[in-house]
Amino acid sequence: MSKVIFDIAVSLDGFLAGEHRGPQNPLGDKGTTLHHWMYGQKAFWGMMDIDRGEEGPENDLVKAVIARSGAFIMGKRMFEEGEAHWPDDLFKADVYVLTHEPRAPWVQKGSTTFHFITEGIDQALELARKSAKGKDVRIQGGGETIRAYLNAGYIDEAMVHIAPVLLGSGIRLFDNITDGLYDIAVKATSHSPLAAHITYTFKRK
């Protein structure tokens, strides 16, 4: 059965992005340090059709989340940060962007189409489930969008990668989360010198 998931890297002090985040500074000051573990993986570079990187347990984590993701949902802010930098067909699936500004779908070469959804998170999820065709719907980010789906009770599973980095300030992942919605359990753990990887299951009470 299709699940609603997110896969996110955070700092040891709980931030998913640093200060001064924007299109010219994606992930904010020092934010890219959260992803150093991923930048060495063959599956990461394979999303851009580049043959480089390593294979191993962390590469398997990246491959697994790519394989299970059938559609994506993201906020407008994340889209605007990535639009200028992402290569065509990075997602290789339908991507639903939450926005207040109507816009025609952006059909890229390959199998990526960005759809701009003005009706809110429920509409985006309904459309994403249909396009995922049995695979999982991945809430890509940013933090506000992930929190919206958490607070609506829609999340089934999350992969959180904790980097040994202290950002000190920025955007926190779990600020303003509604208490008592879920029973949360640890499903799997692993680690390397660059990150601790924890998979959590979320069961709605």
N, C-alpha and C. Protein backbone atom coordinates (compact mmCIF):
# COMPACT_ATOMS: atom_id res chain seq x y z
N MET A 1 0.84 -1.19 0.00
CA MET A 1 0.00 0.00 0.00
C MET A 1 0.88 1.25 0.00
N SER A 2 0.45 2.23 -0.76
CA SER A 2 1.18 3.48 -0.85
C SER A 2 1.24 4.18 0.51
N LYS A 3 2.42 4.72 0.83
CA LYS A 3 2.61 5.46 2.07
C LYS A 3 2.95 6.92 1.76
N VAL A 4 2.77 7.75 2.77
CA VAL A 4 3.20 9.14 2.70
C VAL A 4 4.45 9.25 3.56
N ILE A 5 5.56 9.65 2.95
CA ILE A 5 6.85 9.61 3.63
C ILE A 5 7.58 10.95 3.47
N PHE A 6 8.57 11.15 4.32
CA PHE A 6 9.56 12.18 4.02
C PHE A 6 10.94 11.66 4.38
N ASP A 7 11.94 12.23 3.74
CA ASP A 7 13.34 11.84 3.90
C ASP A 7 14.13 13.14 4.00
N ILE A 8 14.73 13.40 5.16
CA ILE A 8 15.27 14.73 5.40
C ILE A 8 16.55 14.64 6.22
N ALA A 9 17.49 15.53 5.95
CA ALA A 9 18.70 15.65 6.75
C ALA A 9 18.56 16.84 7.69
N VAL A 10 19.02 16.66 8.92
CA VAL A 10 18.97 17.73 9.91
C VAL A 10 20.31 17.81 10.63
N SER A 11 20.54 18.95 11.25
CA SER A 11 21.73 19.12 12.08
C SER A 11 21.50 18.48 13.44
N LEU A 12 22.56 18.35 14.20
CA LEU A 12 22.45 17.77 15.53
C LEU A 12 21.54 18.60 16.42
N ASP A 13 21.47 19.92 16.18
CA ASP A 13 20.57 20.77 16.95
C ASP A 13 19.22 20.99 16.27
N GLY A 14 18.89 20.15 15.28
CA GLY A 14 17.52 20.07 14.79
C GLY A 14 17.14 20.96 13.63
N PHE A 15 18.11 21.57 12.94
CA PHE A 15 17.79 22.46 11.83
C PHE A 15 17.93 21.73 10.48
N LEU A 16 16.99 21.98 9.57
CA LEU A 16 17.08 21.40 8.23
C LEU A 16 17.66 22.38 7.22
N ALA A 17 17.80 23.64 7.61
CA ALA A 17 18.40 24.67 6.76
C ALA A 17 18.94 25.76 7.66
N GLY A 18 19.94 26.48 7.15
CA GLY A 18 20.53 27.56 7.92
C GLY A 18 19.87 28.90 7.65
N GLU A 19 20.47 29.93 8.18
CA GLU A 19 19.97 31.29 7.97
C GLU A 19 20.20 31.74 6.52
N HIS A 20 19.46 32.79 6.12
CA HIS A 20 19.62 33.45 4.83
C HIS A 20 19.37 32.50 3.65
N ARG A 21 18.37 31.66 3.81
CA ARG A 21 18.01 30.72 2.76
C ARG A 21 17.32 31.44 1.62
N GLY A 22 17.62 31.04 0.39
CA GLY A 22 16.98 31.64 -0.78
C GLY A 22 17.52 31.03 -2.05
N PRO A 23 17.00 31.45 -3.22
CA PRO A 23 17.42 30.85 -4.49
C PRO A 23 18.92 30.93 -4.74
N GLN A 24 19.58 31.97 -4.22
CA GLN A 24 21.02 32.09 -4.41
C GLN A 24 21.81 31.42 -3.30
N ASN A 25 21.10 30.93 -2.28
CA ASN A 25 21.75 30.27 -1.15
C ASN A 25 20.89 29.11 -0.68
N PRO A 26 20.68 28.10 -1.53
CA PRO A 26 19.80 26.99 -1.16
C PRO A 26 20.27 26.32 0.13
N LEU A 27 19.31 26.01 0.98
CA LEU A 27 19.55 25.40 2.30
C LEU A 27 20.18 26.35 3.31
N GLY A 28 20.41 27.61 2.92
CA GLY A 28 20.90 28.59 3.87
C GLY A 28 22.37 28.41 4.21
N ASP A 29 22.86 29.26 5.11
CA ASP A 29 24.27 29.24 5.49
C ASP A 29 24.61 27.89 6.13
N LYS A 30 25.60 27.24 5.60
CA LYS A 30 26.11 25.94 6.08
C LYS A 30 25.11 24.80 5.90
N GLY A 31 23.99 25.06 5.23
CA GLY A 31 22.97 24.02 5.10
C GLY A 31 23.43 22.82 4.29
N THR A 32 24.30 23.03 3.32
CA THR A 32 24.75 21.91 2.50
C THR A 32 25.60 20.92 3.30
N THR A 33 26.14 21.35 4.45
CA THR A 33 26.94 20.43 5.26
C THR A 33 26.10 19.27 5.79
N LEU A 34 24.78 19.46 5.85
CA LEU A 34 23.90 18.40 6.33
C LEU A 34 23.86 17.23 5.37
N HIS A 35 24.22 17.46 4.13
CA HIS A 35 24.07 16.46 3.07
C HIS A 35 25.41 15.89 2.60
N HIS A 36 26.48 16.18 3.31
CA HIS A 36 27.79 15.68 2.86
C HIS A 36 27.81 14.16 2.76
N TRP A 37 27.08 13.49 3.63
CA TRP A 37 27.04 12.01 3.57
C TRP A 37 26.46 11.55 2.23
N MET A 38 25.48 12.30 1.71
CA MET A 38 24.77 11.89 0.49
C MET A 38 25.56 12.23 -0.77
N TYR A 39 26.33 13.31 -0.73
CA TYR A 39 27.02 13.76 -1.93
C TYR A 39 28.07 12.77 -2.42
N GLY A 40 28.45 11.82 -1.59
CA GLY A 40 29.42 10.82 -2.03
C GLY A 40 28.81 9.57 -2.61
N GLN A 41 27.48 9.52 -2.71
CA GLN A 41 26.82 8.26 -3.07
C GLN A 41 26.51 8.18 -4.57
N LYS A 42 26.71 7.03 -5.12
CA LYS A 42 26.50 6.79 -6.55
C LYS A 42 25.04 7.04 -6.94
N ALA A 43 24.10 6.65 -6.09
CA ALA A 43 22.68 6.82 -6.41
C ALA A 43 22.30 8.29 -6.48
N PHE A 44 22.93 9.14 -5.65
CA PHE A 44 22.67 10.57 -5.70
C PHE A 44 23.06 11.14 -7.06
N TRP A 45 24.25 10.83 -7.51
CA TRP A 45 24.71 11.34 -8.80
C TRP A 45 23.95 10.70 -9.96
N GLY A 46 23.47 9.48 -9.75
CA GLY A 46 22.70 8.82 -10.79
C GLY A 46 21.40 9.54 -11.11
N MET A 47 20.84 10.27 -10.13
CA MET A 47 19.62 11.04 -10.40
C MET A 47 19.87 12.09 -11.48
N MET A 48 21.12 12.51 -11.62
CA MET A 48 21.49 13.51 -12.63
C MET A 48 22.21 12.88 -13.81
N ASP A 49 22.12 11.54 -13.88
CA ASP A 49 22.75 10.78 -14.97
C ASP A 49 24.26 10.99 -15.03
N ILE A 50 24.88 11.12 -13.86
CA ILE A 50 26.33 11.27 -13.76
C ILE A 50 26.89 10.01 -13.11
N ASP A 51 27.88 9.41 -13.73
CA ASP A 51 28.45 8.16 -13.24
C ASP A 51 29.63 8.46 -12.32
N ARG A 52 29.34 8.63 -11.05
CA ARG A 52 30.38 8.84 -10.06
C ARG A 52 29.82 8.47 -8.69
N GLY A 53 30.65 8.46 -7.68
CA GLY A 53 30.19 8.17 -6.33
C GLY A 53 30.47 6.73 -5.91
N GLU A 54 30.14 6.45 -4.66
CA GLU A 54 30.46 5.17 -4.04
C GLU A 54 29.21 4.31 -3.87
N GLU A 55 29.44 3.02 -3.72
CA GLU A 55 28.38 2.10 -3.37
C GLU A 55 28.64 1.57 -1.97
N GLY A 56 27.56 1.21 -1.29
CA GLY A 56 27.69 0.74 0.08
C GLY A 56 26.38 0.95 0.81
N PRO A 57 26.36 0.81 2.13
CA PRO A 57 25.10 0.91 2.89
C PRO A 57 24.39 2.25 2.72
N GLU A 58 25.13 3.35 2.72
CA GLU A 58 24.47 4.65 2.57
C GLU A 58 23.94 4.84 1.15
N ASN A 59 24.67 4.33 0.18
CA ASN A 59 24.16 4.37 -1.18
C ASN A 59 22.86 3.58 -1.30
N ASP A 60 22.79 2.45 -0.59
CA ASP A 60 21.57 1.65 -0.60
C ASP A 60 20.38 2.42 -0.02
N LEU A 61 20.63 3.26 1.00
CA LEU A 61 19.56 4.09 1.56
C LEU A 61 18.99 5.05 0.52
N VAL A 62 19.90 5.68 -0.22
CA VAL A 62 19.46 6.62 -1.25
C VAL A 62 18.70 5.90 -2.35
N LYS A 63 19.23 4.76 -2.80
CA LYS A 63 18.57 3.97 -3.84
C LYS A 63 17.17 3.55 -3.40
N ALA A 64 17.04 3.15 -2.15
CA ALA A 64 15.75 2.64 -1.67
C ALA A 64 14.69 3.73 -1.67
N VAL A 65 15.04 4.92 -1.22
CA VAL A 65 14.02 5.98 -1.17
C VAL A 65 13.68 6.46 -2.58
N ILE A 66 14.64 6.45 -3.49
CA ILE A 66 14.34 6.79 -4.88
C ILE A 66 13.38 5.77 -5.48
N ALA A 67 13.65 4.49 -5.23
CA ALA A 67 12.85 3.42 -5.82
C ALA A 67 11.41 3.44 -5.33
N ARG A 68 11.19 3.82 -4.09
CA ARG A 68 9.84 3.76 -3.54
C ARG A 68 9.02 5.02 -3.80
N SER A 69 9.65 6.10 -4.27
CA SER A 69 8.96 7.37 -4.45
C SER A 69 8.29 7.44 -5.82
N GLY A 70 6.96 7.52 -5.82
CA GLY A 70 6.23 7.57 -7.07
C GLY A 70 5.72 8.94 -7.45
N ALA A 71 5.71 9.86 -6.49
CA ALA A 71 5.29 11.25 -6.73
C ALA A 71 5.80 12.08 -5.57
N PHE A 72 5.93 13.39 -5.81
CA PHE A 72 6.52 14.29 -4.82
C PHE A 72 5.60 15.48 -4.57
N ILE A 73 5.67 16.00 -3.33
CA ILE A 73 4.98 17.24 -2.98
C ILE A 73 6.00 18.16 -2.34
N MET A 74 5.99 19.41 -2.74
CA MET A 74 6.90 20.39 -2.14
C MET A 74 6.23 21.76 -2.04
N GLY A 75 6.79 22.60 -1.21
CA GLY A 75 6.29 23.96 -1.07
C GLY A 75 6.87 24.87 -2.13
N LYS A 76 6.24 26.03 -2.29
CA LYS A 76 6.68 26.99 -3.29
C LYS A 76 8.10 27.47 -3.03
N ARG A 77 8.42 27.67 -1.76
CA ARG A 77 9.75 28.18 -1.43
C ARG A 77 10.84 27.21 -1.86
N MET A 78 10.64 25.92 -1.60
CA MET A 78 11.62 24.93 -2.02
C MET A 78 11.73 24.89 -3.54
N PHE A 79 10.59 24.96 -4.21
CA PHE A 79 10.61 24.95 -5.67
C PHE A 79 11.40 26.14 -6.21
N GLU A 80 11.17 27.33 -5.64
CA GLU A 80 11.87 28.52 -6.13
C GLU A 80 13.37 28.44 -5.88
N GLU A 81 13.77 27.81 -4.79
CA GLU A 81 15.20 27.65 -4.53
C GLU A 81 15.83 26.67 -5.51
N GLY A 82 15.10 25.64 -5.87
CA GLY A 82 15.66 24.60 -6.72
C GLY A 82 15.53 24.85 -8.21
N GLU A 83 14.53 25.64 -8.60
CA GLU A 83 14.21 25.81 -10.03
C GLU A 83 15.43 26.25 -10.84
N ALA A 84 16.23 27.14 -10.29
CA ALA A 84 17.37 27.67 -11.04
C ALA A 84 18.55 26.70 -11.08
N HIS A 85 18.51 25.67 -10.24
CA HIS A 85 19.69 24.80 -10.09
C HIS A 85 19.46 23.36 -10.53
N TRP A 86 18.23 22.88 -10.42
CA TRP A 86 17.97 21.47 -10.71
C TRP A 86 18.08 21.18 -12.21
N PRO A 87 18.69 20.08 -12.61
CA PRO A 87 18.69 19.70 -14.02
C PRO A 87 17.31 19.18 -14.42
N ASP A 88 17.04 19.17 -15.72
CA ASP A 88 15.78 18.60 -16.21
C ASP A 88 15.65 17.15 -15.77
N ASP A 89 14.43 16.78 -15.43
CA ASP A 89 14.06 15.40 -15.11
C ASP A 89 14.81 14.85 -13.89
N LEU A 90 15.08 15.72 -12.92
CA LEU A 90 15.73 15.27 -11.70
C LEU A 90 14.84 14.30 -10.93
N PHE A 91 13.53 14.58 -10.87
CA PHE A 91 12.63 13.79 -10.03
C PHE A 91 12.07 12.57 -10.75
N LYS A 92 12.00 12.62 -12.06
CA LYS A 92 11.54 11.48 -12.85
C LYS A 92 10.15 10.98 -12.41
N ALA A 93 9.30 11.94 -12.06
CA ALA A 93 7.94 11.64 -11.59
C ALA A 93 7.18 12.96 -11.54
N ASP A 94 5.90 12.89 -11.24
CA ASP A 94 5.12 14.11 -11.06
C ASP A 94 5.46 14.77 -9.73
N VAL A 95 5.59 16.09 -9.77
CA VAL A 95 5.89 16.88 -8.57
C VAL A 95 4.77 17.90 -8.40
N TYR A 96 4.18 17.94 -7.21
CA TYR A 96 3.07 18.84 -6.92
C TYR A 96 3.58 19.95 -6.00
N VAL A 97 3.51 21.18 -6.50
CA VAL A 97 4.04 22.34 -5.79
C VAL A 97 2.88 23.12 -5.18
N LEU A 98 2.92 23.29 -3.86
CA LEU A 98 1.88 24.05 -3.17
C LEU A 98 2.15 25.54 -3.34
N THR A 99 1.16 26.25 -3.84
CA THR A 99 1.34 27.67 -4.13
C THR A 99 0.00 28.38 -4.08
N HIS A 100 0.04 29.71 -4.01
CA HIS A 100 -1.17 30.51 -4.12
C HIS A 100 -1.29 31.15 -5.50
N GLU A 101 -0.31 30.89 -6.37
CA GLU A 101 -0.27 31.53 -7.68
C GLU A 101 -0.50 30.50 -8.78
N PRO A 102 -1.63 30.56 -9.48
CA PRO A 102 -1.89 29.60 -10.56
C PRO A 102 -0.81 29.66 -11.64
N ARG A 103 -0.46 28.50 -12.15
CA ARG A 103 0.57 28.41 -13.19
C ARG A 103 0.34 27.13 -13.96
N ALA A 104 0.55 27.17 -15.26
CA ALA A 104 0.41 25.97 -16.08
C ALA A 104 1.47 24.95 -15.70
N PRO A 105 1.19 23.66 -15.86
CA PRO A 105 2.19 22.64 -15.55
C PRO A 105 3.48 22.86 -16.34
N TRP A 106 4.58 22.57 -15.72
CA TRP A 106 5.90 22.67 -16.36
C TRP A 106 6.33 21.26 -16.71
N VAL A 107 6.21 20.91 -17.98
CA VAL A 107 6.54 19.58 -18.47
C VAL A 107 7.99 19.59 -18.94
N GLN A 108 8.83 18.80 -18.28
CA GLN A 108 10.23 18.74 -18.64
C GLN A 108 10.50 17.57 -19.59
N LYS A 109 11.66 17.58 -20.21
CA LYS A 109 12.08 16.44 -20.99
C LYS A 109 12.25 15.26 -20.05
N GLY A 110 11.80 14.09 -20.47
CA GLY A 110 11.85 12.93 -19.61
C GLY A 110 10.49 12.70 -18.97
N SER A 111 10.46 12.39 -17.68
CA SER A 111 9.19 12.03 -17.04
C SER A 111 8.82 12.92 -15.86
N THR A 112 9.47 14.07 -15.74
CA THR A 112 9.16 15.01 -14.66
C THR A 112 8.21 16.09 -15.15
N THR A 113 7.09 16.25 -14.43
CA THR A 113 6.18 17.37 -14.66
C THR A 113 5.88 18.02 -13.32
N PHE A 114 6.04 19.33 -13.25
CA PHE A 114 5.69 20.10 -12.06
C PHE A 114 4.26 20.61 -12.21
N HIS A 115 3.41 20.29 -11.24
CA HIS A 115 2.03 20.75 -11.21
C HIS A 115 1.89 21.75 -10.06
N PHE A 116 1.24 22.85 -10.29
CA PHE A 116 1.14 23.92 -9.31
C PHE A 116 -0.26 23.92 -8.71
N ILE A 117 -0.33 23.60 -7.41
CA ILE A 117 -1.60 23.32 -6.74
C ILE A 117 -1.97 24.47 -5.83
N THR A 118 -3.11 25.07 -6.08
CA THR A 118 -3.56 26.22 -5.29
C THR A 118 -4.64 25.84 -4.28
N GLU A 119 -5.11 24.59 -4.29
CA GLU A 119 -6.23 24.19 -3.44
C GLU A 119 -5.80 23.63 -2.08
N GLY A 120 -4.48 23.53 -1.82
CA GLY A 120 -4.03 23.11 -0.50
C GLY A 120 -3.49 21.70 -0.45
N ILE A 121 -3.14 21.26 0.77
CA ILE A 121 -2.40 20.01 0.93
C ILE A 121 -3.24 18.78 0.63
N ASP A 122 -4.55 18.84 0.89
CA ASP A 122 -5.39 17.67 0.61
C ASP A 122 -5.49 17.39 -0.88
N GLN A 123 -5.67 18.45 -1.65
CA GLN A 123 -5.76 18.29 -3.10
C GLN A 123 -4.44 17.79 -3.67
N ALA A 124 -3.34 18.34 -3.19
CA ALA A 124 -2.03 17.90 -3.67
C ALA A 124 -1.82 16.42 -3.37
N LEU A 125 -2.20 15.98 -2.17
CA LEU A 125 -2.01 14.58 -1.81
C LEU A 125 -2.90 13.66 -2.63
N GLU A 126 -4.13 14.06 -2.86
CA GLU A 126 -5.04 13.24 -3.67
C GLU A 126 -4.47 13.04 -5.08
N LEU A 127 -3.99 14.10 -5.69
CA LEU A 127 -3.43 14.01 -7.04
C LEU A 127 -2.13 13.20 -7.05
N ALA A 128 -1.30 13.41 -6.01
CA ALA A 128 -0.03 12.70 -5.94
C ALA A 128 -0.24 11.20 -5.77
N ARG A 129 -1.22 10.81 -4.96
CA ARG A 129 -1.51 9.38 -4.79
C ARG A 129 -1.88 8.74 -6.13
N LYS A 130 -2.66 9.44 -6.91
CA LYS A 130 -3.06 8.89 -8.22
C LYS A 130 -1.86 8.73 -9.13
N SER A 131 -0.99 9.76 -9.16
CA SER A 131 0.17 9.66 -10.05
C SER A 131 1.21 8.67 -9.58
N ALA A 132 1.25 8.39 -8.27
CA ALA A 132 2.26 7.49 -7.73
C ALA A 132 2.04 6.04 -8.14
N LYS A 133 0.80 5.70 -8.50
CA LYS A 133 0.47 4.36 -9.00
C LYS A 133 0.96 3.24 -8.08
N GLY A 134 0.64 3.38 -6.81
CA GLY A 134 0.98 2.35 -5.84
C GLY A 134 2.29 2.57 -5.12
N LYS A 135 3.16 3.41 -5.66
CA LYS A 135 4.38 3.75 -4.95
C LYS A 135 4.06 4.81 -3.87
N ASP A 136 5.08 5.18 -3.12
CA ASP A 136 4.87 6.13 -2.03
C ASP A 136 4.86 7.56 -2.53
N VAL A 137 4.17 8.41 -1.78
CA VAL A 137 4.18 9.86 -2.01
C VAL A 137 5.20 10.45 -1.06
N ARG A 138 6.17 11.13 -1.61
CA ARG A 138 7.24 11.71 -0.79
C ARG A 138 7.02 13.20 -0.61
N ILE A 139 6.92 13.63 0.64
CA ILE A 139 6.84 15.07 0.94
C ILE A 139 8.27 15.58 0.93
N GLN A 140 8.63 16.26 -0.14
CA GLN A 140 10.02 16.62 -0.39
C GLN A 140 10.50 17.75 0.52
N GLY A 141 9.63 18.64 0.90
CA GLY A 141 10.03 19.77 1.73
C GLY A 141 9.44 21.06 1.20
N GLY A 142 9.82 22.18 1.78
CA GLY A 142 10.68 22.30 2.93
C GLY A 142 9.96 21.99 4.24
N GLY A 143 10.53 22.58 5.31
CA GLY A 143 10.06 22.28 6.63
C GLY A 143 8.60 22.60 6.86
N GLU A 144 8.13 23.72 6.35
CA GLU A 144 6.74 24.11 6.55
C GLU A 144 5.79 23.12 5.91
N THR A 145 6.16 22.61 4.75
CA THR A 145 5.32 21.64 4.06
C THR A 145 5.32 20.30 4.79
N ILE A 146 6.47 19.85 5.24
CA ILE A 146 6.53 18.61 6.02
C ILE A 146 5.68 18.74 7.27
N ARG A 147 5.81 19.86 7.97
CA ARG A 147 5.02 20.07 9.20
C ARG A 147 3.53 20.09 8.91
N ALA A 148 3.13 20.66 7.79
CA ALA A 148 1.70 20.69 7.44
C ALA A 148 1.14 19.28 7.30
N TYR A 149 1.89 18.40 6.66
CA TYR A 149 1.42 17.02 6.49
C TYR A 149 1.52 16.23 7.80
N LEU A 150 2.53 16.51 8.60
CA LEU A 150 2.59 15.90 9.92
C LEU A 150 1.38 16.30 10.76
N ASN A 151 1.08 17.58 10.81
CA ASN A 151 -0.01 18.08 11.65
C ASN A 151 -1.38 17.67 11.13
N ALA A 152 -1.46 17.32 9.85
CA ALA A 152 -2.72 16.82 9.30
C ALA A 152 -2.90 15.33 9.54
N GLY A 153 -1.89 14.68 10.09
CA GLY A 153 -1.99 13.25 10.39
C GLY A 153 -1.74 12.34 9.21
N TYR A 154 -1.06 12.83 8.16
CA TYR A 154 -0.91 12.06 6.94
C TYR A 154 0.38 11.25 6.84
N ILE A 155 1.37 11.51 7.68
CA ILE A 155 2.67 10.86 7.52
C ILE A 155 2.64 9.43 8.05
N ASP A 156 3.20 8.51 7.26
CA ASP A 156 3.31 7.11 7.64
C ASP A 156 4.72 6.71 8.06
N GLU A 157 5.71 7.36 7.46
CA GLU A 157 7.09 6.94 7.72
C GLU A 157 8.03 8.11 7.40
N ALA A 158 9.14 8.17 8.14
CA ALA A 158 10.12 9.23 7.89
C ALA A 158 11.52 8.68 8.06
N MET A 159 12.41 9.11 7.17
CA MET A 159 13.82 8.82 7.28
C MET A 159 14.53 10.12 7.62
N VAL A 160 15.16 10.16 8.79
CA VAL A 160 15.83 11.37 9.26
C VAL A 160 17.32 11.07 9.36
N HIS A 161 18.11 11.90 8.71
CA HIS A 161 19.57 11.74 8.66
C HIS A 161 20.18 12.86 9.50
N ILE A 162 20.77 12.51 10.62
CA ILE A 162 21.27 13.50 11.57
C ILE A 162 22.77 13.68 11.35
N ALA A 163 23.14 14.86 10.85
CA ALA A 163 24.55 15.15 10.58
C ALA A 163 25.22 15.68 11.84
N PRO A 164 26.49 15.34 12.07
CA PRO A 164 27.21 15.83 13.24
C PRO A 164 27.66 17.27 13.04
N VAL A 165 26.68 18.15 12.88
CA VAL A 165 26.90 19.56 12.59
C VAL A 165 25.98 20.38 13.49
N LEU A 166 26.47 21.49 14.01
CA LEU A 166 25.65 22.42 14.78
C LEU A 166 25.48 23.70 13.97
N LEU A 167 24.25 23.97 13.53
CA LEU A 167 24.00 25.20 12.77
C LEU A 167 23.72 26.39 13.68
N GLY A 168 23.16 26.15 14.84
CA GLY A 168 22.92 27.24 15.78
C GLY A 168 21.64 28.01 15.56
N SER A 169 21.23 28.14 14.32
CA SER A 169 19.98 28.84 13.99
C SER A 169 19.58 28.46 12.58
N GLY A 170 18.37 28.81 12.22
CA GLY A 170 17.86 28.48 10.89
C GLY A 170 16.43 28.00 10.97
N ILE A 171 16.09 27.00 10.18
CA ILE A 171 14.73 26.46 10.12
C ILE A 171 14.72 25.10 10.78
N ARG A 172 13.94 24.96 11.84
CA ARG A 172 13.85 23.69 12.55
C ARG A 172 12.81 22.79 11.89
N LEU A 173 13.07 21.49 11.93
CA LEU A 173 12.12 20.55 11.35
C LEU A 173 10.88 20.39 12.20
N PHE A 174 11.03 20.24 13.51
CA PHE A 174 9.90 19.82 14.33
C PHE A 174 9.33 20.93 15.22
N ASP A 175 9.51 22.18 14.84
CA ASP A 175 8.83 23.26 15.55
C ASP A 175 7.33 23.23 15.26
N ASN A 176 6.53 23.59 16.28
CA ASN A 176 5.08 23.76 16.12
C ASN A 176 4.37 22.52 15.58
N ILE A 177 4.75 21.37 16.13
CA ILE A 177 4.11 20.11 15.78
C ILE A 177 2.99 19.83 16.78
N THR A 178 1.83 19.44 16.28
CA THR A 178 0.71 19.09 17.14
C THR A 178 1.03 17.83 17.94
N ASP A 179 0.87 17.90 19.25
CA ASP A 179 1.19 16.77 20.12
C ASP A 179 0.06 15.75 20.12
N GLY A 180 0.44 14.48 20.24
CA GLY A 180 -0.55 13.43 20.48
C GLY A 180 -1.23 12.85 19.27
N LEU A 181 -0.76 13.18 18.06
CA LEU A 181 -1.41 12.66 16.85
C LEU A 181 -0.98 11.23 16.53
N TYR A 182 0.26 10.89 16.89
CA TYR A 182 0.84 9.63 16.42
C TYR A 182 1.43 8.83 17.57
N ASP A 183 1.48 7.52 17.36
CA ASP A 183 2.43 6.66 18.05
C ASP A 183 3.63 6.51 17.11
N ILE A 184 4.81 6.88 17.59
CA ILE A 184 6.01 6.89 16.76
C ILE A 184 6.98 5.83 17.27
N ALA A 185 7.54 5.05 16.35
CA ALA A 185 8.49 4.01 16.72
C ALA A 185 9.68 4.03 15.78
N VAL A 186 10.82 3.57 16.30
CA VAL A 186 12.02 3.44 15.47
C VAL A 186 11.95 2.13 14.71
N LYS A 187 12.08 2.21 13.39
CA LYS A 187 12.02 1.02 12.54
C LYS A 187 13.41 0.50 12.20
N ALA A 188 14.36 1.41 11.95
CA ALA A 188 15.70 0.98 11.56
C ALA A 188 16.71 2.09 11.87
N THR A 189 17.95 1.70 12.13
CA THR A 189 19.02 2.66 12.37
C THR A 189 20.29 2.19 11.70
N SER A 190 21.11 3.14 11.31
CA SER A 190 22.47 2.86 10.83
C SER A 190 23.25 4.16 10.94
N HIS A 191 24.56 4.09 10.71
CA HIS A 191 25.33 5.32 10.82
C HIS A 191 26.65 5.20 10.07
N SER A 192 27.24 6.36 9.82
CA SER A 192 28.59 6.48 9.29
C SER A 192 29.22 7.67 10.01
N PRO A 193 30.47 7.99 9.74
CA PRO A 193 31.05 9.18 10.38
C PRO A 193 30.34 10.48 10.01
N LEU A 194 29.58 10.49 8.92
CA LEU A 194 28.96 11.73 8.46
C LEU A 194 27.49 11.87 8.82
N ALA A 195 26.84 10.80 9.29
CA ALA A 195 25.41 10.91 9.62
C ALA A 195 24.92 9.67 10.35
N ALA A 196 23.93 9.89 11.21
CA ALA A 196 23.15 8.79 11.79
C ALA A 196 21.82 8.74 11.05
N HIS A 197 21.41 7.57 10.60
CA HIS A 197 20.22 7.41 9.78
C HIS A 197 19.16 6.65 10.59
N ILE A 198 18.02 7.28 10.81
CA ILE A 198 16.97 6.68 11.62
C ILE A 198 15.66 6.70 10.83
N THR A 199 15.04 5.55 10.70
CA THR A 199 13.73 5.44 10.07
C THR A 199 12.67 5.30 11.17
N TYR A 200 11.65 6.14 11.11
CA TYR A 200 10.58 6.14 12.08
C TYR A 200 9.26 5.76 11.41
N THR A 201 8.43 5.01 12.11
CA THR A 201 7.05 4.79 11.66
C THR A 201 6.12 5.68 12.46
N PHE A 202 5.12 6.20 11.78
CA PHE A 202 4.12 7.08 12.40
C PHE A 202 2.75 6.38 12.26
N LYS A 203 2.14 6.07 13.38
CA LYS A 203 0.81 5.46 13.37
C LYS A 203 -0.18 6.43 13.99
N ARG A 204 -1.17 6.83 13.21
CA ARG A 204 -2.16 7.78 13.70
C ARG A 204 -2.97 7.16 14.82
N LYS A 205 -3.11 7.88 15.93
CA LYS A 205 -3.87 7.38 17.09
C LYS A 205 -5.36 7.43 16.80
